[in-house]
Amino acid sequence: MFPIRPALESDAESIVSFDHIAQSDSRRKAFIRRAIAAGNCFVATYGEHIVGYGVLEYSFYDNGFVSMLYVHLEYRRRGAGTALSLRIGAEHSLPLSSSQ
């Protein structure tokens, strides 16, 4: 089970620590910080550790969509991404679909 909660400003460095792109791309770091500040970033936790994050945006004709979903490499394929998607979708009435 991966509890999901809104991200806090103090979570930014933890998120960057497992997002390999954010570690070297200042634009990705800034994106994460903006999403947290706007209340659009959610984190999946395992114990005391943040193991994934998702960002909800409304920039596509004012429709909500998940623009980023990233899970720590060691926690992939264990349900953290699904938990994030379901929680964000449920709280914001998003139709859940995938482009498989």
PDB file of N, CA and C in Angstrom:
ATOM      1  N   MET A   1       0.835  -1.186   0.000  1.00  0.00           N
ATOM      2  CA  MET A   1       0.000   0.000   0.000  1.00  0.00           C
ATOM      3  C   MET A   1       0.874   1.242   0.000  1.00  0.00           C
ATOM      4  N   PHE A   2       0.512   2.189  -0.819  1.00  0.00           N
ATOM      5  CA  PHE A   2       1.257   3.440  -0.933  1.00  0.00           C
ATOM      6  C   PHE A   2       0.323   4.603  -0.638  1.00  0.00           C
ATOM      7  N   PRO A   3       0.366   5.139   0.563  1.00  0.00           N
ATOM      8  CA  PRO A   3      -0.462   6.313   0.857  1.00  0.00           C
ATOM      9  C   PRO A   3      -0.083   7.486  -0.059  1.00  0.00           C
ATOM     10  N   ILE A   4      -1.083   8.227  -0.471  1.00  0.00           N
ATOM     11  CA  ILE A   4      -0.888   9.385  -1.348  1.00  0.00           C
ATOM     12  C   ILE A   4      -1.296  10.632  -0.576  1.00  0.00           C
ATOM     13  N   ARG A   5      -0.501  11.688  -0.731  1.00  0.00           N
ATOM     14  CA  ARG A   5      -0.816  12.961  -0.081  1.00  0.00           C
ATOM     15  C   ARG A   5      -0.319  14.094  -0.957  1.00  0.00           C
ATOM     16  N   PRO A   6      -0.854  15.308  -0.741  1.00  0.00           N
ATOM     17  CA  PRO A   6      -0.310  16.467  -1.466  1.00  0.00           C
ATOM     18  C   PRO A   6       1.152  16.678  -1.065  1.00  0.00           C
ATOM     19  N   ALA A   7       1.964  17.060  -2.028  1.00  0.00           N
ATOM     20  CA  ALA A   7       3.379  17.321  -1.758  1.00  0.00           C
ATOM     21  C   ALA A   7       3.541  18.626  -0.977  1.00  0.00           C
ATOM     22  N   LEU A   8       4.534  18.647  -0.136  1.00  0.00           N
ATOM     23  CA  LEU A   8       4.899  19.829   0.628  1.00  0.00           C
ATOM     24  C   LEU A   8       6.186  20.420   0.050  1.00  0.00           C
ATOM     25  N   GLU A   9       6.399  21.711   0.294  1.00  0.00           N
ATOM     26  CA  GLU A   9       7.637  22.325  -0.197  1.00  0.00           C
ATOM     27  C   GLU A   9       8.862  21.575   0.285  1.00  0.00           C
ATOM     28  N   SER A  10       8.803  21.045   1.487  1.00  0.00           N
ATOM     29  CA  SER A  10       9.937  20.305   2.041  1.00  0.00           C
ATOM     30  C   SER A  10      10.166  18.968   1.344  1.00  0.00           C
ATOM     31  N   ASP A  11       9.246  18.540   0.476  1.00  0.00           N
ATOM     32  CA  ASP A  11       9.395  17.279  -0.265  1.00  0.00           C
ATOM     33  C   ASP A  11      10.211  17.427  -1.546  1.00  0.00           C
ATOM     34  N   ALA A  12      10.440  18.647  -1.985  1.00  0.00           N
ATOM     35  CA  ALA A  12      11.069  18.872  -3.292  1.00  0.00           C
ATOM     36  C   ALA A  12      12.415  18.164  -3.426  1.00  0.00           C
ATOM     37  N   GLU A  13      13.275  18.287  -2.448  1.00  0.00           N
ATOM     38  CA  GLU A  13      14.604  17.664  -2.558  1.00  0.00           C
ATOM     39  C   GLU A  13      14.515  16.146  -2.577  1.00  0.00           C
ATOM     40  N   SER A  14      13.578  15.590  -1.839  1.00  0.00           N
ATOM     41  CA  SER A  14      13.397  14.141  -1.845  1.00  0.00           C
ATOM     42  C   SER A  14      12.944  13.674  -3.226  1.00  0.00           C
ATOM     43  N   ILE A  15      12.041  14.412  -3.843  1.00  0.00           N
ATOM     44  CA  ILE A  15      11.579  14.076  -5.193  1.00  0.00           C
ATOM     45  C   ILE A  15      12.743  14.140  -6.175  1.00  0.00           C
ATOM     46  N   VAL A  16      13.504  15.208  -6.114  1.00  0.00           N
ATOM     47  CA  VAL A  16      14.646  15.378  -7.025  1.00  0.00           C
ATOM     48  C   VAL A  16      15.670  14.255  -6.823  1.00  0.00           C
ATOM     49  N   SER A  17      15.799  13.744  -5.620  1.00  0.00           N
ATOM     50  CA  SER A  17      16.805  12.720  -5.338  1.00  0.00           C
ATOM     51  C   SER A  17      16.586  11.423  -6.109  1.00  0.00           C
ATOM     52  N   PHE A  18      15.338  11.126  -6.525  1.00  0.00           N
ATOM     53  CA  PHE A  18      15.116   9.894  -7.297  1.00  0.00           C
ATOM     54  C   PHE A  18      14.682  10.154  -8.741  1.00  0.00           C
ATOM     55  N   ASP A  19      14.423  11.406  -9.085  1.00  0.00           N
ATOM     56  CA  ASP A  19      14.081  11.751 -10.470  1.00  0.00           C
ATOM     57  C   ASP A  19      15.383  12.072 -11.185  1.00  0.00           C
ATOM     58  N   HIS A  20      15.887  11.114 -11.957  1.00  0.00           N
ATOM     59  CA  HIS A  20      17.218  11.278 -12.556  1.00  0.00           C
ATOM     60  C   HIS A  20      17.295  12.454 -13.531  1.00  0.00           C
ATOM     61  N   ILE A  21      16.192  12.849 -14.111  1.00  0.00           N
ATOM     62  CA  ILE A  21      16.206  14.009 -15.010  1.00  0.00           C
ATOM     63  C   ILE A  21      16.309  15.295 -14.194  1.00  0.00           C
ATOM     64  N   ALA A  22      15.538  15.379 -13.122  1.00  0.00           N
ATOM     65  CA  ALA A  22      15.568  16.579 -12.278  1.00  0.00           C
ATOM     66  C   ALA A  22      16.936  16.796 -11.643  1.00  0.00           C
ATOM     67  N   GLN A  23      17.694  15.736 -11.466  1.00  0.00           N
ATOM     68  CA  GLN A  23      19.018  15.863 -10.860  1.00  0.00           C
ATOM     69  C   GLN A  23      19.966  16.700 -11.715  1.00  0.00           C
ATOM     70  N   SER A  24      19.737  16.718 -13.023  1.00  0.00           N
ATOM     71  CA  SER A  24      20.646  17.461 -13.901  1.00  0.00           C
ATOM     72  C   SER A  24      19.953  18.532 -14.742  1.00  0.00           C
ATOM     73  N   ASP A  25      18.653  18.685 -14.597  1.00  0.00           N
ATOM     74  CA  ASP A  25      17.908  19.645 -15.418  1.00  0.00           C
ATOM     75  C   ASP A  25      17.198  20.651 -14.517  1.00  0.00           C
ATOM     76  N   SER A  26      17.678  21.875 -14.520  1.00  0.00           N
ATOM     77  CA  SER A  26      17.098  22.905 -13.648  1.00  0.00           C
ATOM     78  C   SER A  26      15.646  23.208 -14.018  1.00  0.00           C
ATOM     79  N   ARG A  27      15.266  23.006 -15.283  1.00  0.00           N
ATOM     80  CA  ARG A  27      13.877  23.243 -15.685  1.00  0.00           C
ATOM     81  C   ARG A  27      12.942  22.232 -15.032  1.00  0.00           C
ATOM     82  N   ARG A  28      13.398  20.990 -14.925  1.00  0.00           N
ATOM     83  CA  ARG A  28      12.574  19.958 -14.279  1.00  0.00           C
ATOM     84  C   ARG A  28      12.447  20.259 -12.780  1.00  0.00           C
ATOM     85  N   LYS A  29      13.539  20.687 -12.150  1.00  0.00           N
ATOM     86  CA  LYS A  29      13.484  21.062 -10.736  1.00  0.00           C
ATOM     87  C   LYS A  29      12.489  22.203 -10.534  1.00  0.00           C
ATOM     88  N   ALA A  30      12.547  23.196 -11.398  1.00  0.00           N
ATOM     89  CA  ALA A  30      11.643  24.340 -11.298  1.00  0.00           C
ATOM     90  C   ALA A  30      10.189  23.903 -11.503  1.00  0.00           C
ATOM     91  N   PHE A  31       9.963  22.985 -12.439  1.00  0.00           N
ATOM     92  CA  PHE A  31       8.624  22.436 -12.686  1.00  0.00           C
ATOM     93  C   PHE A  31       8.076  21.781 -11.417  1.00  0.00           C
ATOM     94  N   ILE A  32       8.913  20.983 -10.759  1.00  0.00           N
ATOM     95  CA  ILE A  32       8.497  20.302  -9.531  1.00  0.00           C
ATOM     96  C   ILE A  32       8.143  21.327  -8.458  1.00  0.00           C
ATOM     97  N   ARG A  33       8.989  22.315  -8.279  1.00  0.00           N
ATOM     98  CA  ARG A  33       8.739  23.336  -7.255  1.00  0.00           C
ATOM     99  C   ARG A  33       7.468  24.136  -7.552  1.00  0.00           C
ATOM    100  N   ARG A  34       7.249  24.478  -8.827  1.00  0.00           N
ATOM    101  CA  ARG A  34       6.024  25.207  -9.201  1.00  0.00           C
ATOM    102  C   ARG A  34       4.783  24.360  -8.934  1.00  0.00           C
ATOM    103  N   ALA A  35       4.854  23.085  -9.282  1.00  0.00           N
ATOM    104  CA  ALA A  35       3.708  22.195  -9.083  1.00  0.00           C
ATOM    105  C   ALA A  35       3.385  22.051  -7.598  1.00  0.00           C
ATOM    106  N   ILE A  36       4.415  21.945  -6.770  1.00  0.00           N
ATOM    107  CA  ILE A  36       4.195  21.850  -5.328  1.00  0.00           C
ATOM    108  C   ILE A  36       3.564  23.143  -4.810  1.00  0.00           C
ATOM    109  N   ALA A  37       4.120  24.281  -5.201  1.00  0.00           N
ATOM    110  CA  ALA A  37       3.612  25.577  -4.742  1.00  0.00           C
ATOM    111  C   ALA A  37       2.156  25.798  -5.154  1.00  0.00           C
ATOM    112  N   ALA A  38       1.785  25.290  -6.342  1.00  0.00           N
ATOM    113  CA  ALA A  38       0.424  25.456  -6.846  1.00  0.00           C
ATOM    114  C   ALA A  38      -0.556  24.445  -6.235  1.00  0.00           C
ATOM    115  N   GLY A  39      -0.039  23.483  -5.486  1.00  0.00           N
ATOM    116  CA  GLY A  39      -0.901  22.447  -4.916  1.00  0.00           C
ATOM    117  C   GLY A  39      -1.280  21.369  -5.912  1.00  0.00           C
ATOM    118  N   ASN A  40      -0.498  21.244  -6.985  1.00  0.00           N
ATOM    119  CA  ASN A  40      -0.802  20.295  -8.051  1.00  0.00           C
ATOM    120  C   ASN A  40       0.073  19.052  -8.044  1.00  0.00           C
ATOM    121  N   CYS A  41       0.918  18.909  -7.041  1.00  0.00           N
ATOM    122  CA  CYS A  41       1.828  17.771  -6.966  1.00  0.00           C
ATOM    123  C   CYS A  41       1.415  16.874  -5.809  1.00  0.00           C
ATOM    124  N   PHE A  42       1.399  15.578  -6.072  1.00  0.00           N
ATOM    125  CA  PHE A  42       1.032  14.578  -5.075  1.00  0.00           C
ATOM    126  C   PHE A  42       2.155  13.560  -4.979  1.00  0.00           C
ATOM    127  N   VAL A  43       2.361  13.016  -3.789  1.00  0.00           N
ATOM    128  CA  VAL A  43       3.431  12.041  -3.602  1.00  0.00           C
ATOM    129  C   VAL A  43       2.872  10.728  -3.072  1.00  0.00           C
ATOM    130  N   ALA A  44       3.534   9.649  -3.492  1.00  0.00           N
ATOM    131  CA  ALA A  44       3.275   8.316  -2.953  1.00  0.00           C
ATOM    132  C   ALA A  44       4.360   8.053  -1.925  1.00  0.00           C
ATOM    133  N   THR A  45       3.966   7.512  -0.789  1.00  0.00           N
ATOM    134  CA  THR A  45       4.941   7.246   0.257  1.00  0.00           C
ATOM    135  C   THR A  45       4.965   5.769   0.603  1.00  0.00           C
ATOM    136  N   TYR A  46       6.117   5.355   1.108  1.00  0.00           N
ATOM    137  CA  TYR A  46       6.299   4.005   1.630  1.00  0.00           C
ATOM    138  C   TYR A  46       7.053   4.184   2.932  1.00  0.00           C
ATOM    139  N   GLY A  47       6.363   3.998   4.022  1.00  0.00           N
ATOM    140  CA  GLY A  47       6.953   4.338   5.313  1.00  0.00           C
ATOM    141  C   GLY A  47       7.162   5.842   5.357  1.00  0.00           C
ATOM    142  N   GLU A  48       8.362   6.243   5.670  1.00  0.00           N
ATOM    143  CA  GLU A  48       8.696   7.670   5.728  1.00  0.00           C
ATOM    144  C   GLU A  48       9.270   8.205   4.418  1.00  0.00           C
ATOM    145  N   HIS A  49       9.364   7.356   3.397  1.00  0.00           N
ATOM    146  CA  HIS A  49      10.035   7.725   2.147  1.00  0.00           C
ATOM    147  C   HIS A  49       9.048   8.077   1.047  1.00  0.00           C
ATOM    148  N   ILE A  50       9.373   9.091   0.284  1.00  0.00           N
ATOM    149  CA  ILE A  50       8.608   9.424  -0.918  1.00  0.00           C
ATOM    150  C   ILE A  50       9.143   8.547  -2.039  1.00  0.00           C
ATOM    151  N   VAL A  51       8.248   7.798  -2.684  1.00  0.00           N
ATOM    152  CA  VAL A  51       8.683   6.848  -3.708  1.00  0.00           C
ATOM    153  C   VAL A  51       8.117   7.165  -5.093  1.00  0.00           C
ATOM    154  N   GLY A  52       7.294   8.205  -5.195  1.00  0.00           N
ATOM    155  CA  GLY A  52       6.763   8.594  -6.488  1.00  0.00           C
ATOM    156  C   GLY A  52       6.038   9.916  -6.382  1.00  0.00           C
ATOM    157  N   TYR A  53       5.816  10.532  -7.541  1.00  0.00           N
ATOM    158  CA  TYR A  53       5.046  11.778  -7.555  1.00  0.00           C
ATOM    159  C   TYR A  53       4.266  11.903  -8.851  1.00  0.00           C
ATOM    160  N   GLY A  54       3.190  12.651  -8.764  1.00  0.00           N
ATOM    161  CA  GLY A  54       2.366  12.926  -9.928  1.00  0.00           C
ATOM    162  C   GLY A  54       1.977  14.392  -9.917  1.00  0.00           C
ATOM    163  N   VAL A  55       1.850  14.960 -11.101  1.00  0.00           N
ATOM    164  CA  VAL A  55       1.492  16.373 -11.229  1.00  0.00           C
ATOM    165  C   VAL A  55       0.216  16.486 -12.060  1.00  0.00           C
ATOM    166  N   LEU A  56      -0.747  17.193 -11.505  1.00  0.00           N
ATOM    167  CA  LEU A  56      -2.020  17.453 -12.165  1.00  0.00           C
ATOM    168  C   LEU A  56      -1.983  18.862 -12.722  1.00  0.00           C
ATOM    169  N   GLU A  57      -2.365  19.014 -13.984  1.00  0.00           N
ATOM    170  CA  GLU A  57      -2.404  20.340 -14.604  1.00  0.00           C
ATOM    171  C   GLU A  57      -3.753  20.564 -15.283  1.00  0.00           C
ATOM    172  N   TYR A  58      -4.065  21.816 -15.503  1.00  0.00           N
ATOM    173  CA  TYR A  58      -5.294  22.203 -16.187  1.00  0.00           C
ATOM    174  C   TYR A  58      -4.974  23.088 -17.390  1.00  0.00           C
ATOM    175  N   SER A  59      -3.858  22.846 -18.038  1.00  0.00           N
ATOM    176  CA  SER A  59      -3.413  23.706 -19.135  1.00  0.00           C
ATOM    177  C   SER A  59      -3.910  23.250 -20.507  1.00  0.00           C
ATOM    178  N   PHE A  60      -4.660  22.179 -20.586  1.00  0.00           N
ATOM    179  CA  PHE A  60      -5.197  21.698 -21.856  1.00  0.00           C
ATOM    180  C   PHE A  60      -6.684  22.029 -21.900  1.00  0.00           C
ATOM    181  N   TYR A  61      -6.992  23.218 -22.406  1.00  0.00           N
ATOM    182  CA  TYR A  61      -8.379  23.690 -22.508  1.00  0.00           C
ATOM    183  C   TYR A  61      -9.111  23.579 -21.169  1.00  0.00           C
ATOM    184  N   ASP A  62      -8.406  23.892 -20.093  1.00  0.00           N
ATOM    185  CA  ASP A  62      -8.951  23.854 -18.732  1.00  0.00           C
ATOM    186  C   ASP A  62      -9.393  22.469 -18.272  1.00  0.00           C
ATOM    187  N   ASN A  63      -8.953  21.435 -18.980  1.00  0.00           N
ATOM    188  CA  ASN A  63      -9.246  20.071 -18.566  1.00  0.00           C
ATOM    189  C   ASN A  63      -8.090  19.547 -17.728  1.00  0.00           C
ATOM    190  N   GLY A  64      -8.406  18.859 -16.650  1.00  0.00           N
ATOM    191  CA  GLY A  64      -7.367  18.293 -15.809  1.00  0.00           C
ATOM    192  C   GLY A  64      -6.735  17.076 -16.462  1.00  0.00           C
ATOM    193  N   PHE A  65      -5.426  16.975 -16.340  1.00  0.00           N
ATOM    194  CA  PHE A  65      -4.711  15.789 -16.813  1.00  0.00           C
ATOM    195  C   PHE A  65      -3.429  15.640 -16.008  1.00  0.00           C
ATOM    196  N   VAL A  66      -2.963  14.423 -15.920  1.00  0.00           N
ATOM    197  CA  VAL A  66      -1.724  14.137 -15.207  1.00  0.00           C
ATOM    198  C   VAL A  66      -0.577  14.344 -16.200  1.00  0.00           C
ATOM    199  N   SER A  67       0.206  15.401 -15.973  1.00  0.00           N
ATOM    200  CA  SER A  67       1.284  15.732 -16.903  1.00  0.00           C
ATOM    201  C   SER A  67       2.594  15.040 -16.545  1.00  0.00           C
ATOM    202  N   MET A  68       2.693  14.550 -15.318  1.00  0.00           N
ATOM    203  CA  MET A  68       3.917  13.862 -14.894  1.00  0.00           C
ATOM    204  C   MET A  68       3.546  12.789 -13.893  1.00  0.00           C
ATOM    205  N   LEU A  69       4.100  11.624 -14.099  1.00  0.00           N
ATOM    206  CA  LEU A  69       3.969  10.531 -13.141  1.00  0.00           C
ATOM    207  C   LEU A  69       5.318   9.830 -13.127  1.00  0.00           C
ATOM    208  N   TYR A  70       5.963   9.857 -11.980  1.00  0.00           N
ATOM    209  CA  TYR A  70       7.323   9.326 -11.885  1.00  0.00           C
ATOM    210  C   TYR A  70       7.449   8.530 -10.597  1.00  0.00           C
ATOM    211  N   VAL A  71       7.965   7.320 -10.712  1.00  0.00           N
ATOM    212  CA  VAL A  71       8.139   6.444  -9.553  1.00  0.00           C
ATOM    213  C   VAL A  71       9.606   6.055  -9.438  1.00  0.00           C
ATOM    214  N   HIS A  72      10.095   6.082  -8.216  1.00  0.00           N
ATOM    215  CA  HIS A  72      11.466   5.677  -7.898  1.00  0.00           C
ATOM    216  C   HIS A  72      11.724   4.300  -8.512  1.00  0.00           C
ATOM    217  N   LEU A  73      12.883   4.123  -9.114  1.00  0.00           N
ATOM    218  CA  LEU A  73      13.228   2.888  -9.816  1.00  0.00           C
ATOM    219  C   LEU A  73      13.004   1.642  -8.953  1.00  0.00           C
ATOM    220  N   GLU A  74      13.344   1.691  -7.689  1.00  0.00           N
ATOM    221  CA  GLU A  74      13.224   0.518  -6.814  1.00  0.00           C
ATOM    222  C   GLU A  74      11.783   0.184  -6.442  1.00  0.00           C
ATOM    223  N   TYR A  75      10.847   1.081  -6.719  1.00  0.00           N
ATOM    224  CA  TYR A  75       9.452   0.854  -6.339  1.00  0.00           C
ATOM    225  C   TYR A  75       8.527   0.712  -7.542  1.00  0.00           C
ATOM    226  N   ARG A  76       9.081   0.640  -8.722  1.00  0.00           N
ATOM    227  CA  ARG A  76       8.262   0.487  -9.926  1.00  0.00           C
ATOM    228  C   ARG A  76       7.655  -0.910  -9.983  1.00  0.00           C
ATOM    229  N   ARG A  77       6.498  -0.992 -10.604  1.00  0.00           N
ATOM    230  CA  ARG A  77       5.766  -2.246 -10.803  1.00  0.00           C
ATOM    231  C   ARG A  77       5.292  -2.854  -9.487  1.00  0.00           C
ATOM    232  N   ARG A  78       5.082  -1.981  -8.493  1.00  0.00           N
ATOM    233  CA  ARG A  78       4.574  -2.432  -7.197  1.00  0.00           C
ATOM    234  C   ARG A  78       3.258  -1.754  -6.826  1.00  0.00           C
ATOM    235  N   GLY A  79       2.768  -0.855  -7.677  1.00  0.00           N
ATOM    236  CA  GLY A  79       1.476  -0.224  -7.430  1.00  0.00           C
ATOM    237  C   GLY A  79       1.517   1.243  -7.047  1.00  0.00           C
ATOM    238  N   ALA A  80       2.698   1.825  -6.902  1.00  0.00           N
ATOM    239  CA  ALA A  80       2.779   3.241  -6.515  1.00  0.00           C
ATOM    240  C   ALA A  80       2.214   4.147  -7.607  1.00  0.00           C
ATOM    241  N   GLY A  81       2.549   3.875  -8.855  1.00  0.00           N
ATOM    242  CA  GLY A  81       2.041   4.686  -9.967  1.00  0.00           C
ATOM    243  C   GLY A  81       0.529   4.569 -10.104  1.00  0.00           C
ATOM    244  N   THR A  82       0.025   3.359  -9.947  1.00  0.00           N
ATOM    245  CA  THR A  82      -1.417   3.144 -10.008  1.00  0.00           C
ATOM    246  C   THR A  82      -2.106   3.884  -8.869  1.00  0.00           C
ATOM    247  N   ALA A  83      -1.536   3.803  -7.675  1.00  0.00           N
ATOM    248  CA  ALA A  83      -2.122   4.502  -6.521  1.00  0.00           C
ATOM    249  C   ALA A  83      -2.176   6.008  -6.762  1.00  0.00           C
ATOM    250  N   LEU A  84      -1.099   6.567  -7.306  1.00  0.00           N
ATOM    251  CA  LEU A  84      -1.087   8.000  -7.623  1.00  0.00           C
ATOM    252  C   LEU A  84      -2.169   8.339  -8.645  1.00  0.00           C
ATOM    253  N   SER A  85      -2.234   7.577  -9.721  1.00  0.00           N
ATOM    254  CA  SER A  85      -3.218   7.839 -10.777  1.00  0.00           C
ATOM    255  C   SER A  85      -4.646   7.775 -10.248  1.00  0.00           C
ATOM    256  N   LEU A  86      -4.931   6.744  -9.478  1.00  0.00           N
ATOM    257  CA  LEU A  86      -6.287   6.584  -8.956  1.00  0.00           C
ATOM    258  C   LEU A  86      -6.657   7.696  -7.987  1.00  0.00           C
ATOM    259  N   ARG A  87      -5.751   8.063  -7.116  1.00  0.00           N
ATOM    260  CA  ARG A  87      -6.048   9.117  -6.130  1.00  0.00           C
ATOM    261  C   ARG A  87      -6.231  10.473  -6.805  1.00  0.00           C
ATOM    262  N   ILE A  88      -5.331  10.807  -7.707  1.00  0.00           N
ATOM    263  CA  ILE A  88      -5.458  12.088  -8.408  1.00  0.00           C
ATOM    264  C   ILE A  88      -6.742  12.108  -9.220  1.00  0.00           C
ATOM    265  N   GLY A  89      -7.018  11.033  -9.924  1.00  0.00           N
ATOM    266  CA  GLY A  89      -8.226  10.952 -10.733  1.00  0.00           C
ATOM    267  C   GLY A  89      -9.489  11.031  -9.908  1.00  0.00           C
ATOM    268  N   ALA A  90      -9.517  10.333  -8.788  1.00  0.00           N
ATOM    269  CA  ALA A  90     -10.706  10.315  -7.934  1.00  0.00           C
ATOM    270  C   ALA A  90     -10.963  11.679  -7.303  1.00  0.00           C
ATOM    271  N   GLU A  91      -9.918  12.331  -6.844  1.00  0.00           N
ATOM    272  CA  GLU A  91     -10.088  13.621  -6.172  1.00  0.00           C
ATOM    273  C   GLU A  91     -10.447  14.741  -7.130  1.00  0.00           C
ATOM    274  N   HIS A  92     -10.120  14.571  -8.387  1.00  0.00           N
ATOM    275  CA  HIS A  92     -10.315  15.659  -9.343  1.00  0.00           C
ATOM    276  C   HIS A  92     -11.223  15.261 -10.501  1.00  0.00           C
ATOM    277  N   SER A  93     -11.966  14.185 -10.330  1.00  0.00           N
ATOM    278  CA  SER A  93     -12.957  13.728 -11.308  1.00  0.00           C
ATOM    279  C   SER A  93     -12.392  13.623 -12.717  1.00  0.00           C
ATOM    280  N   LEU A  94     -11.224  13.003 -12.831  1.00  0.00           N
ATOM    281  CA  LEU A  94     -10.625  12.818 -14.146  1.00  0.00           C
ATOM    282  C   LEU A  94     -11.037  11.473 -14.706  1.00  0.00           C
ATOM    283  N   PRO A  95     -11.374  11.432 -15.996  1.00  0.00           N
ATOM    284  CA  PRO A  95     -11.619  10.122 -16.602  1.00  0.00           C
ATOM    285  C   PRO A  95     -10.283   9.398 -16.704  1.00  0.00           C
ATOM    286  N   LEU A  96     -10.239   8.153 -16.263  1.00  0.00           N
ATOM    287  CA  LEU A  96      -8.980   7.418 -16.278  1.00  0.00           C
ATOM    288  C   LEU A  96      -8.876   6.612 -17.555  1.00  0.00           C
ATOM    289  N   SER A  97      -7.827   6.873 -18.306  1.00  0.00           N
ATOM    290  CA  SER A  97      -7.553   6.120 -19.517  1.00  0.00           C
ATOM    291  C   SER A  97      -6.060   6.113 -19.733  1.00  0.00           C
ATOM    292  N   SER A  98      -5.614   5.238 -20.594  1.00  0.00           N
ATOM    293  CA  SER A  98      -4.186   5.184 -20.892  1.00  0.00           C
ATOM    294  C   SER A  98      -4.011   5.059 -22.394  1.00  0.00           C
ATOM    295  N   SER A  99      -2.845   5.418 -22.847  1.00  0.00           N
ATOM    296  CA  SER A  99      -2.549   5.315 -24.283  1.00  0.00           C
ATOM    297  C   SER A  99      -1.604   4.143 -24.475  1.00  0.00           C
ATOM    298  N   GLN A 100      -2.158   2.951 -24.429  1.00  0.00           N
ATOM    299  CA  GLN A 100      -1.342   1.733 -24.531  1.00  0.00           C
ATOM    300  C   GLN A 100      -1.212   1.287 -25.952  1.00  0.00           C
TER     301      GLN A 100
END
